[in-house]
Amino acid sequence: MDVTRMEFHIGDLLSVTTGRLLSSEGVDGLYKILNFMTGGSVWTHQLGEATALCKPYLLEQHPSLGRPEITTFAMGEIILMLESDSIASKEDHKHLVGGWLSKIIEGGYGVVIPEYLAVSPLPDGLWKTDPRRGLEANEKVMFVVGVGDD
């Protein structure tokens, strides 16, 4: 087994490349791919930084995810659907995203993308695994708004 590459669902990859949570596993799918790519445990306050760091590497590995058929047409459609008033529950959301992902997998936007894609991790040393990383910004915000000051 090649441990330098791992397969992930297209929804996990799109969650990273689009900045929208489109994983069929929800946030767990996002954590799985980011943890694999960074080689560490990404904490909640690090999601944005890890996503921004991993995005170009995913697009380099799978350029079809960056094509206009996906970034403009497919994303435009899912954004409109998700903003619709007809989404009443988490289950509705899950079914809607699942159907939309199926359309991508079947080539419904003019680009056929497999349901599962092999992903390589980031180059060694690119991600620092210190869980305190990124907390400084939160501390500064808390200081500015006066949290904890009497």
Foldseek 3Di string as FASTA:
>chain_A
DDLQKDKAFPQLLCCLQQVNNLHLVGVVSVQVVLCSQQVAGADPLCSVVSSVVCNVQSCVQPVVCVDCLNNPVLVVVLVVVVPDPPQDDPVSNSVSSVVSSVCQCVCVSVHHDHRMDMHGHHPPPPDDHPNCPNCVVVVVVCVVVVPPHD
